[in-house]
């Protein structure tokens, strides 16, 4: 994963902004997208109900789009929800 000072700053700011609105998220790790080596995933544990998780994802997507448009970096919040039930 190639990081520079600006990218590290943007990763930190994105996480802080999302956590400020959704304090139940917990940082887990950083990963690289298996499809795009320049796309950084901020993996978080999101112990929340489905509606709240959707709101968090929508909020994060707005911030992620701003980062991509303003700086050209693909950075995303990826949530792992222990409450999710998969059929």
PDB file of N, CA and C in Angstrom:
ATOM      1  N   UNK A   1       0.847  -1.164   0.000  1.00  0.00           N
ATOM      2  CA  UNK A   1       0.000   0.000   0.000  1.00  0.00           C
ATOM      3  C   UNK A   1       0.896   1.231   0.000  1.00  0.00           C
ATOM      4  N   UNK A   2       0.754   2.034  -1.023  1.00  0.00           N
ATOM      5  CA  UNK A   2       1.543   3.251  -1.115  1.00  0.00           C
ATOM      6  C   UNK A   2       0.792   4.379  -0.424  1.00  0.00           C
ATOM      7  N   UNK A   3       1.442   4.954   0.617  1.00  0.00           N
ATOM      8  CA  UNK A   3       0.847   6.074   1.324  1.00  0.00           C
ATOM      9  C   UNK A   3       1.844   7.214   1.338  1.00  0.00           C
ATOM     10  N   UNK A   4       1.309   8.412   1.284  1.00  0.00           N
ATOM     11  CA  UNK A   4       2.119   9.596   1.477  1.00  0.00           C
ATOM     12  C   UNK A   4       1.480  10.410   2.597  1.00  0.00           C
ATOM     13  N   UNK A   5       2.098  11.514   2.955  1.00  0.00           N
ATOM     14  CA  UNK A   5       1.589  12.307   4.078  1.00  0.00           C
ATOM     15  C   UNK A   5       0.162  12.788   3.847  1.00  0.00           C
ATOM     16  N   UNK A   6      -0.145  13.240   2.640  1.00  0.00           N
ATOM     17  CA  UNK A   6      -1.491  13.746   2.356  1.00  0.00           C
ATOM     18  C   UNK A   6      -2.512  12.618   2.446  1.00  0.00           C
ATOM     19  N   UNK A   7      -2.176  11.473   1.888  1.00  0.00           N
ATOM     20  CA  UNK A   7      -3.101  10.338   1.930  1.00  0.00           C
ATOM     21  C   UNK A   7      -3.335   9.901   3.381  1.00  0.00           C
ATOM     22  N   UNK A   8      -2.289   9.858   4.181  1.00  0.00           N
ATOM     23  CA  UNK A   8      -2.442   9.511   5.590  1.00  0.00           C
ATOM     24  C   UNK A   8      -3.332  10.521   6.310  1.00  0.00           C
ATOM     25  N   UNK A   9      -3.161  11.791   5.996  1.00  0.00           N
ATOM     26  CA  UNK A   9      -3.985  12.843   6.593  1.00  0.00           C
ATOM     27  C   UNK A   9      -5.451  12.659   6.208  1.00  0.00           C
ATOM     28  N   UNK A  10      -5.707  12.370   4.929  1.00  0.00           N
ATOM     29  CA  UNK A  10      -7.080  12.190   4.461  1.00  0.00           C
ATOM     30  C   UNK A  10      -7.725  10.946   5.072  1.00  0.00           C
ATOM     31  N   UNK A  11      -6.965   9.882   5.229  1.00  0.00           N
ATOM     32  CA  UNK A  11      -7.473   8.661   5.869  1.00  0.00           C
ATOM     33  C   UNK A  11      -7.905   8.989   7.303  1.00  0.00           C
ATOM     34  N   UNK A  12      -7.044   9.675   8.017  1.00  0.00           N
ATOM     35  CA  UNK A  12      -7.332  10.037   9.402  1.00  0.00           C
ATOM     36  C   UNK A  12      -8.553  10.949   9.485  1.00  0.00           C
ATOM     37  N   UNK A  13      -8.604  11.971   8.650  1.00  0.00           N
ATOM     38  CA  UNK A  13      -9.726  12.915   8.675  1.00  0.00           C
ATOM     39  C   UNK A  13     -11.049  12.234   8.328  1.00  0.00           C
ATOM     40  N   UNK A  14     -11.029  11.349   7.349  1.00  0.00           N
ATOM     41  CA  UNK A  14     -12.256  10.636   6.971  1.00  0.00           C
ATOM     42  C   UNK A  14     -12.749   9.806   8.141  1.00  0.00           C
ATOM     43  N   UNK A  15     -11.869   9.042   8.759  1.00  0.00           N
ATOM     44  CA  UNK A  15     -12.280   8.216   9.891  1.00  0.00           C
ATOM     45  C   UNK A  15     -12.816   9.080  11.035  1.00  0.00           C
ATOM     46  N   UNK A  16     -12.128  10.156  11.358  1.00  0.00           N
ATOM     47  CA  UNK A  16     -12.536  11.034  12.463  1.00  0.00           C
ATOM     48  C   UNK A  16     -13.919  11.634  12.191  1.00  0.00           C
ATOM     49  N   UNK A  17     -14.162  12.080  10.972  1.00  0.00           N
ATOM     50  CA  UNK A  17     -15.463  12.680  10.635  1.00  0.00           C
ATOM     51  C   UNK A  17     -16.593  11.659  10.737  1.00  0.00           C
ATOM     52  N   UNK A  18     -16.354  10.459  10.225  1.00  0.00           N
ATOM     53  CA  UNK A  18     -17.398   9.431  10.280  1.00  0.00           C
ATOM     54  C   UNK A  18     -17.614   8.992  11.725  1.00  0.00           C
ATOM     55  N   UNK A  19     -16.538   8.828  12.488  1.00  0.00           N
ATOM     56  CA  UNK A  19     -16.669   8.423  13.889  1.00  0.00           C
ATOM     57  C   UNK A  19     -17.367   9.499  14.714  1.00  0.00           C
ATOM     58  N   UNK A  20     -17.178  10.758  14.385  1.00  0.00           N
ATOM     59  CA  UNK A  20     -17.834  11.840  15.116  1.00  0.00           C
ATOM     60  C   UNK A  20     -19.354  11.729  14.986  1.00  0.00           C
ATOM     61  N   UNK A  21     -19.812  11.323  13.822  1.00  0.00           N
ATOM     62  CA  UNK A  21     -21.253  11.191  13.605  1.00  0.00           C
ATOM     63  C   UNK A  21     -21.776   9.821  14.025  1.00  0.00           C
ATOM     64  N   UNK A  22     -20.933   8.802  13.934  1.00  0.00           N
ATOM     65  CA  UNK A  22     -21.313   7.425  14.287  1.00  0.00           C
ATOM     66  C   UNK A  22     -20.270   6.875  15.247  1.00  0.00           C
ATOM     67  N   UNK A  23     -20.355   7.266  16.537  1.00  0.00           N
ATOM     68  CA  UNK A  23     -19.300   6.904  17.502  1.00  0.00           C
ATOM     69  C   UNK A  23     -19.187   5.413  17.784  1.00  0.00           C
ATOM     70  N   UNK A  24     -20.157   4.630  17.350  1.00  0.00           N
ATOM     71  CA  UNK A  24     -20.093   3.191  17.607  1.00  0.00           C
ATOM     72  C   UNK A  24     -19.111   2.456  16.704  1.00  0.00           C
ATOM     73  N   UNK A  25     -18.588   3.114  15.668  1.00  0.00           N
ATOM     74  CA  UNK A  25     -17.620   2.424  14.813  1.00  0.00           C
ATOM     75  C   UNK A  25     -16.268   2.347  15.516  1.00  0.00           C
ATOM     76  N   UNK A  26     -15.536   1.282  15.224  1.00  0.00           N
ATOM     77  CA  UNK A  26     -14.215   1.050  15.806  1.00  0.00           C
ATOM     78  C   UNK A  26     -13.261   0.710  14.666  1.00  0.00           C
ATOM     79  N   UNK A  27     -12.126   1.400  14.630  1.00  0.00           N
ATOM     80  CA  UNK A  27     -11.113   1.121  13.612  1.00  0.00           C
ATOM     81  C   UNK A  27     -10.606  -0.297  13.781  1.00  0.00           C
ATOM     82  N   UNK A  28     -10.532  -1.026  12.667  1.00  0.00           N
ATOM     83  CA  UNK A  28      -9.994  -2.384  12.689  1.00  0.00           C
ATOM     84  C   UNK A  28      -8.627  -2.414  12.002  1.00  0.00           C
ATOM     85  N   UNK A  29      -8.572  -1.996  10.738  1.00  0.00           N
ATOM     86  CA  UNK A  29      -7.299  -1.969  10.024  1.00  0.00           C
ATOM     87  C   UNK A  29      -7.461  -1.249   8.692  1.00  0.00           C
ATOM     88  N   UNK A  30      -6.359  -1.119   7.985  1.00  0.00           N
ATOM     89  CA  UNK A  30      -6.365  -0.604   6.615  1.00  0.00           C
ATOM     90  C   UNK A  30      -6.087  -1.759   5.684  1.00  0.00           C
ATOM     91  N   UNK A  31      -6.795  -1.797   4.575  1.00  0.00           N
ATOM     92  CA  UNK A  31      -6.571  -2.821   3.556  1.00  0.00           C
ATOM     93  C   UNK A  31      -6.525  -2.155   2.197  1.00  0.00           C
ATOM     94  N   UNK A  32      -6.026  -2.895   1.238  1.00  0.00           N
ATOM     95  CA  UNK A  32      -6.016  -2.447  -0.139  1.00  0.00           C
ATOM     96  C   UNK A  32      -7.097  -3.226  -0.886  1.00  0.00           C
ATOM     97  N   UNK A  33      -7.845  -2.538  -1.707  1.00  0.00           N
ATOM     98  CA  UNK A  33      -8.869  -3.204  -2.501  1.00  0.00           C
ATOM     99  C   UNK A  33      -8.227  -4.291  -3.358  1.00  0.00           C
ATOM    100  N   UNK A  34      -8.834  -5.464  -3.415  1.00  0.00           N
ATOM    101  CA  UNK A  34      -8.269  -6.522  -4.258  1.00  0.00           C
ATOM    102  C   UNK A  34      -8.392  -6.202  -5.750  1.00  0.00           C
ATOM    103  N   UNK A  35      -9.226  -5.254  -6.088  1.00  0.00           N
ATOM    104  CA  UNK A  35      -9.439  -4.886  -7.495  1.00  0.00           C
ATOM    105  C   UNK A  35      -8.537  -3.733  -7.927  1.00  0.00           C
ATOM    106  N   UNK A  36      -8.263  -2.797  -7.009  1.00  0.00           N
ATOM    107  CA  UNK A  36      -7.493  -1.598  -7.336  1.00  0.00           C
ATOM    108  C   UNK A  36      -6.477  -1.345  -6.227  1.00  0.00           C
ATOM    109  N   UNK A  37      -5.213  -1.561  -6.501  1.00  0.00           N
ATOM    110  CA  UNK A  37      -4.166  -1.426  -5.479  1.00  0.00           C
ATOM    111  C   UNK A  37      -4.007   0.003  -4.964  1.00  0.00           C
ATOM    112  N   UNK A  38      -4.602   0.979  -5.640  1.00  0.00           N
ATOM    113  CA  UNK A  38      -4.532   2.366  -5.186  1.00  0.00           C
ATOM    114  C   UNK A  38      -5.747   2.773  -4.357  1.00  0.00           C
ATOM    115  N   UNK A  39      -6.686   1.854  -4.172  1.00  0.00           N
ATOM    116  CA  UNK A  39      -7.900   2.134  -3.395  1.00  0.00           C
ATOM    117  C   UNK A  39      -7.705   1.590  -1.982  1.00  0.00           C
ATOM    118  N   UNK A  40      -7.697   2.495  -1.013  1.00  0.00           N
ATOM    119  CA  UNK A  40      -7.485   2.109   0.382  1.00  0.00           C
ATOM    120  C   UNK A  40      -8.826   1.970   1.082  1.00  0.00           C
ATOM    121  N   UNK A  41      -8.959   0.876   1.807  1.00  0.00           N
ATOM    122  CA  UNK A  41     -10.149   0.624   2.609  1.00  0.00           C
ATOM    123  C   UNK A  41      -9.809   0.850   4.076  1.00  0.00           C
ATOM    124  N   UNK A  42     -10.635   1.652   4.743  1.00  0.00           N
ATOM    125  CA  UNK A  42     -10.563   1.789   6.190  1.00  0.00           C
ATOM    126  C   UNK A  42     -11.600   0.811   6.727  1.00  0.00           C
ATOM    127  N   UNK A  43     -11.145  -0.298   7.262  1.00  0.00           N
ATOM    128  CA  UNK A  43     -12.065  -1.333   7.746  1.00  0.00           C
ATOM    129  C   UNK A  43     -12.433  -1.004   9.190  1.00  0.00           C
ATOM    130  N   UNK A  44     -13.749  -0.944   9.436  1.00  0.00           N
ATOM    131  CA  UNK A  44     -14.251  -0.638  10.771  1.00  0.00           C
ATOM    132  C   UNK A  44     -15.251  -1.703  11.196  1.00  0.00           C
ATOM    133  N   UNK A  45     -15.346  -1.899  12.488  1.00  0.00           N
ATOM    134  CA  UNK A  45     -16.411  -2.712  13.045  1.00  0.00           C
ATOM    135  C   UNK A  45     -17.548  -1.756  13.354  1.00  0.00           C
ATOM    136  N   UNK A  46     -18.722  -2.086  12.837  1.00  0.00           N
ATOM    137  CA  UNK A  46     -19.880  -1.208  12.990  1.00  0.00           C
ATOM    138  C   UNK A  46     -20.991  -1.966  13.694  1.00  0.00           C
ATOM    139  N   UNK A  47     -20.997  -1.895  15.009  1.00  0.00           N
ATOM    140  CA  UNK A  47     -21.990  -2.596  15.806  1.00  0.00           C
ATOM    141  C   UNK A  47     -23.250  -1.723  15.883  1.00  0.00           C
ATOM    142  N   UNK A  48     -24.085  -1.811  14.831  1.00  0.00           N
ATOM    143  CA  UNK A  48     -25.260  -0.950  14.715  1.00  0.00           C
ATOM    144  C   UNK A  48     -26.352  -1.669  13.938  1.00  0.00           C
ATOM    145  N   UNK A  49     -27.561  -1.125  14.000  1.00  0.00           N
ATOM    146  CA  UNK A  49     -28.638  -1.738  13.223  1.00  0.00           C
ATOM    147  C   UNK A  49     -28.475  -1.392  11.744  1.00  0.00           C
ATOM    148  N   UNK A  50     -29.214  -2.086  10.916  1.00  0.00           N
ATOM    149  CA  UNK A  50     -29.065  -1.954   9.467  1.00  0.00           C
ATOM    150  C   UNK A  50     -29.349  -0.538   8.972  1.00  0.00           C
ATOM    151  N   UNK A  51     -30.391   0.104   9.512  1.00  0.00           N
ATOM    152  CA  UNK A  51     -30.724   1.462   9.077  1.00  0.00           C
ATOM    153  C   UNK A  51     -29.603   2.441   9.397  1.00  0.00           C
ATOM    154  N   UNK A  52     -29.023   2.315  10.571  1.00  0.00           N
ATOM    155  CA  UNK A  52     -27.919   3.192  10.955  1.00  0.00           C
ATOM    156  C   UNK A  52     -26.699   2.914  10.087  1.00  0.00           C
ATOM    157  N   UNK A  53     -26.455   1.666   9.791  1.00  0.00           N
ATOM    158  CA  UNK A  53     -25.311   1.318   8.935  1.00  0.00           C
ATOM    159  C   UNK A  53     -25.484   1.917   7.534  1.00  0.00           C
ATOM    160  N   UNK A  54     -26.694   1.898   7.025  1.00  0.00           N
ATOM    161  CA  UNK A  54     -26.961   2.499   5.710  1.00  0.00           C
ATOM    162  C   UNK A  54     -26.706   4.000   5.766  1.00  0.00           C
ATOM    163  N   UNK A  55     -27.173   4.663   6.821  1.00  0.00           N
ATOM    164  CA  UNK A  55     -26.936   6.103   6.972  1.00  0.00           C
ATOM    165  C   UNK A  55     -25.449   6.400   7.072  1.00  0.00           C
ATOM    166  N   UNK A  56     -24.713   5.576   7.805  1.00  0.00           N
ATOM    167  CA  UNK A  56     -23.274   5.760   7.927  1.00  0.00           C
ATOM    168  C   UNK A  56     -22.591   5.596   6.571  1.00  0.00           C
ATOM    169  N   UNK A  57     -23.002   4.581   5.823  1.00  0.00           N
ATOM    170  CA  UNK A  57     -22.421   4.338   4.505  1.00  0.00           C
ATOM    171  C   UNK A  57     -22.692   5.504   3.556  1.00  0.00           C
ATOM    172  N   UNK A  58     -23.899   6.029   3.590  1.00  0.00           N
ATOM    173  CA  UNK A  58     -24.243   7.172   2.734  1.00  0.00           C
ATOM    174  C   UNK A  58     -23.437   8.413   3.114  1.00  0.00           C
ATOM    175  N   UNK A  59     -23.303   8.668   4.409  1.00  0.00           N
ATOM    176  CA  UNK A  59     -22.521   9.811   4.867  1.00  0.00           C
ATOM    177  C   UNK A  59     -21.060   9.664   4.448  1.00  0.00           C
ATOM    178  N   UNK A  60     -20.491   8.489   4.688  1.00  0.00           N
ATOM    179  CA  UNK A  60     -19.099   8.237   4.326  1.00  0.00           C
ATOM    180  C   UNK A  60     -18.897   8.378   2.818  1.00  0.00           C
ATOM    181  N   UNK A  61     -19.862   7.907   2.034  1.00  0.00           N
ATOM    182  CA  UNK A  61     -19.744   7.980   0.569  1.00  0.00           C
ATOM    183  C   UNK A  61     -19.637   9.424   0.087  1.00  0.00           C
ATOM    184  N   UNK A  62     -20.371  10.328   0.726  1.00  0.00           N
ATOM    185  CA  UNK A  62     -20.274  11.746   0.351  1.00  0.00           C
ATOM    186  C   UNK A  62     -18.862  12.274   0.605  1.00  0.00           C
ATOM    187  N   UNK A  63     -18.318  11.947   1.767  1.00  0.00           N
ATOM    188  CA  UNK A  63     -16.966  12.393   2.102  1.00  0.00           C
ATOM    189  C   UNK A  63     -15.925  11.748   1.192  1.00  0.00           C
ATOM    190  N   UNK A  64     -16.106  10.463   0.911  1.00  0.00           N
ATOM    191  CA  UNK A  64     -15.170   9.732   0.034  1.00  0.00           C
ATOM    192  C   UNK A  64     -15.165  10.324  -1.369  1.00  0.00           C
ATOM    193  N   UNK A  65     -16.333  10.712  -1.852  1.00  0.00           N
ATOM    194  CA  UNK A  65     -16.433  11.318  -3.189  1.00  0.00           C
ATOM    195  C   UNK A  65     -15.710  12.656  -3.216  1.00  0.00           C
ATOM    196  N   UNK A  66     -15.865  13.444  -2.149  1.00  0.00           N
ATOM    197  CA  UNK A  66     -15.158  14.731  -2.073  1.00  0.00           C
ATOM    198  C   UNK A  66     -13.652  14.522  -2.121  1.00  0.00           C
ATOM    199  N   UNK A  67     -13.158  13.534  -1.392  1.00  0.00           N
ATOM    200  CA  UNK A  67     -11.716  13.239  -1.391  1.00  0.00           C
ATOM    201  C   UNK A  67     -11.261  12.843  -2.790  1.00  0.00           C
ATOM    202  N   UNK A  68     -12.035  11.983  -3.441  1.00  0.00           N
ATOM    203  CA  UNK A  68     -11.665  11.534  -4.781  1.00  0.00           C
ATOM    204  C   UNK A  68     -11.651  12.700  -5.768  1.00  0.00           C
ATOM    205  N   UNK A  69     -12.663  13.542  -5.697  1.00  0.00           N
ATOM    206  CA  UNK A  69     -12.749  14.664  -6.643  1.00  0.00           C
ATOM    207  C   UNK A  69     -11.692  15.731  -6.358  1.00  0.00           C
ATOM    208  N   UNK A  70     -11.441  16.018  -5.083  1.00  0.00           N
ATOM    209  CA  UNK A  70     -10.508  17.086  -4.722  1.00  0.00           C
ATOM    210  C   UNK A  70      -9.044  16.673  -4.778  1.00  0.00           C
ATOM    211  N   UNK A  71      -8.760  15.393  -4.449  1.00  0.00           N
ATOM    212  CA  UNK A  71      -7.367  14.972  -4.314  1.00  0.00           C
ATOM    213  C   UNK A  71      -6.979  13.789  -5.194  1.00  0.00           C
ATOM    214  N   UNK A  72      -7.957  13.111  -5.761  1.00  0.00           N
ATOM    215  CA  UNK A  72      -7.677  11.979  -6.643  1.00  0.00           C
ATOM    216  C   UNK A  72      -7.364  10.678  -5.920  1.00  0.00           C
ATOM    217  N   UNK A  73      -7.647  10.606  -4.618  1.00  0.00           N
ATOM    218  CA  UNK A  73      -7.384   9.396  -3.848  1.00  0.00           C
ATOM    219  C   UNK A  73      -8.682   8.643  -3.582  1.00  0.00           C
ATOM    220  N   UNK A  74      -8.672   7.343  -3.851  1.00  0.00           N
ATOM    221  CA  UNK A  74      -9.818   6.481  -3.565  1.00  0.00           C
ATOM    222  C   UNK A  74      -9.617   5.894  -2.171  1.00  0.00           C
ATOM    223  N   UNK A  75     -10.442   6.367  -1.239  1.00  0.00           N
ATOM    224  CA  UNK A  75     -10.388   5.907   0.148  1.00  0.00           C
ATOM    225  C   UNK A  75     -11.827   5.633   0.568  1.00  0.00           C
ATOM    226  N   UNK A  76     -12.067   4.464   1.144  1.00  0.00           N
ATOM    227  CA  UNK A  76     -13.433   4.097   1.519  1.00  0.00           C
ATOM    228  C   UNK A  76     -13.485   3.512   2.920  1.00  0.00           C
ATOM    229  N   UNK A  77     -14.607   3.786   3.595  1.00  0.00           N
ATOM    230  CA  UNK A  77     -14.919   3.127   4.857  1.00  0.00           C
ATOM    231  C   UNK A  77     -15.625   1.820   4.508  1.00  0.00           C
ATOM    232  N   UNK A  78     -15.095   0.716   4.992  1.00  0.00           N
ATOM    233  CA  UNK A  78     -15.702  -0.596   4.773  1.00  0.00           C
ATOM    234  C   UNK A  78     -16.101  -1.148   6.134  1.00  0.00           C
ATOM    235  N   UNK A  79     -17.396  -1.398   6.308  1.00  0.00           N
ATOM    236  CA  UNK A  79     -17.851  -1.819   7.625  1.00  0.00           C
ATOM    237  C   UNK A  79     -18.057  -3.333   7.706  1.00  0.00           C
ATOM    238  N   UNK A  80     -17.705  -3.835   8.871  1.00  0.00           N
ATOM    239  CA  UNK A  80     -17.992  -5.227   9.225  1.00  0.00           C
ATOM    240  C   UNK A  80     -18.956  -5.146  10.404  1.00  0.00           C
ATOM    241  N   UNK A  81     -20.170  -5.628  10.191  1.00  0.00           N
ATOM    242  CA  UNK A  81     -21.187  -5.514  11.229  1.00  0.00           C
ATOM    243  C   UNK A  81     -21.462  -6.874  11.862  1.00  0.00           C
ATOM    244  N   UNK A  82     -21.117  -7.016  13.145  1.00  0.00           N
ATOM    245  CA  UNK A  82     -21.363  -8.311  13.803  1.00  0.00           C
ATOM    246  C   UNK A  82     -22.852  -8.633  13.961  1.00  0.00           C
ATOM    247  N   UNK A  83     -23.712  -7.625  13.760  1.00  0.00           N
ATOM    248  CA  UNK A  83     -25.156  -7.851  13.877  1.00  0.00           C
ATOM    249  C   UNK A  83     -25.792  -8.317  12.587  1.00  0.00           C
ATOM    250  N   UNK A  84     -25.032  -8.288  11.489  1.00  0.00           N
ATOM    251  CA  UNK A  84     -25.597  -8.695  10.190  1.00  0.00           C
ATOM    252  C   UNK A  84     -25.918 -10.172  10.172  1.00  0.00           C
ATOM    253  N   UNK A  85     -27.035 -10.467   9.558  1.00  0.00           N
ATOM    254  CA  UNK A  85     -27.461 -11.859   9.410  1.00  0.00           C
ATOM    255  C   UNK A  85     -27.525 -12.148   7.915  1.00  0.00           C
ATOM    256  N   UNK A  86     -26.794 -13.140   7.493  1.00  0.00           N
ATOM    257  CA  UNK A  86     -26.758 -13.496   6.082  1.00  0.00           C
ATOM    258  C   UNK A  86     -27.529 -14.788   5.872  1.00  0.00           C
ATOM    259  N   UNK A  87     -28.375 -14.780   4.863  1.00  0.00           N
ATOM    260  CA  UNK A  87     -29.190 -15.977   4.576  1.00  0.00           C
ATOM    261  C   UNK A  87     -28.397 -16.973   3.761  1.00  0.00           C
TER     262      UNK A  87
END
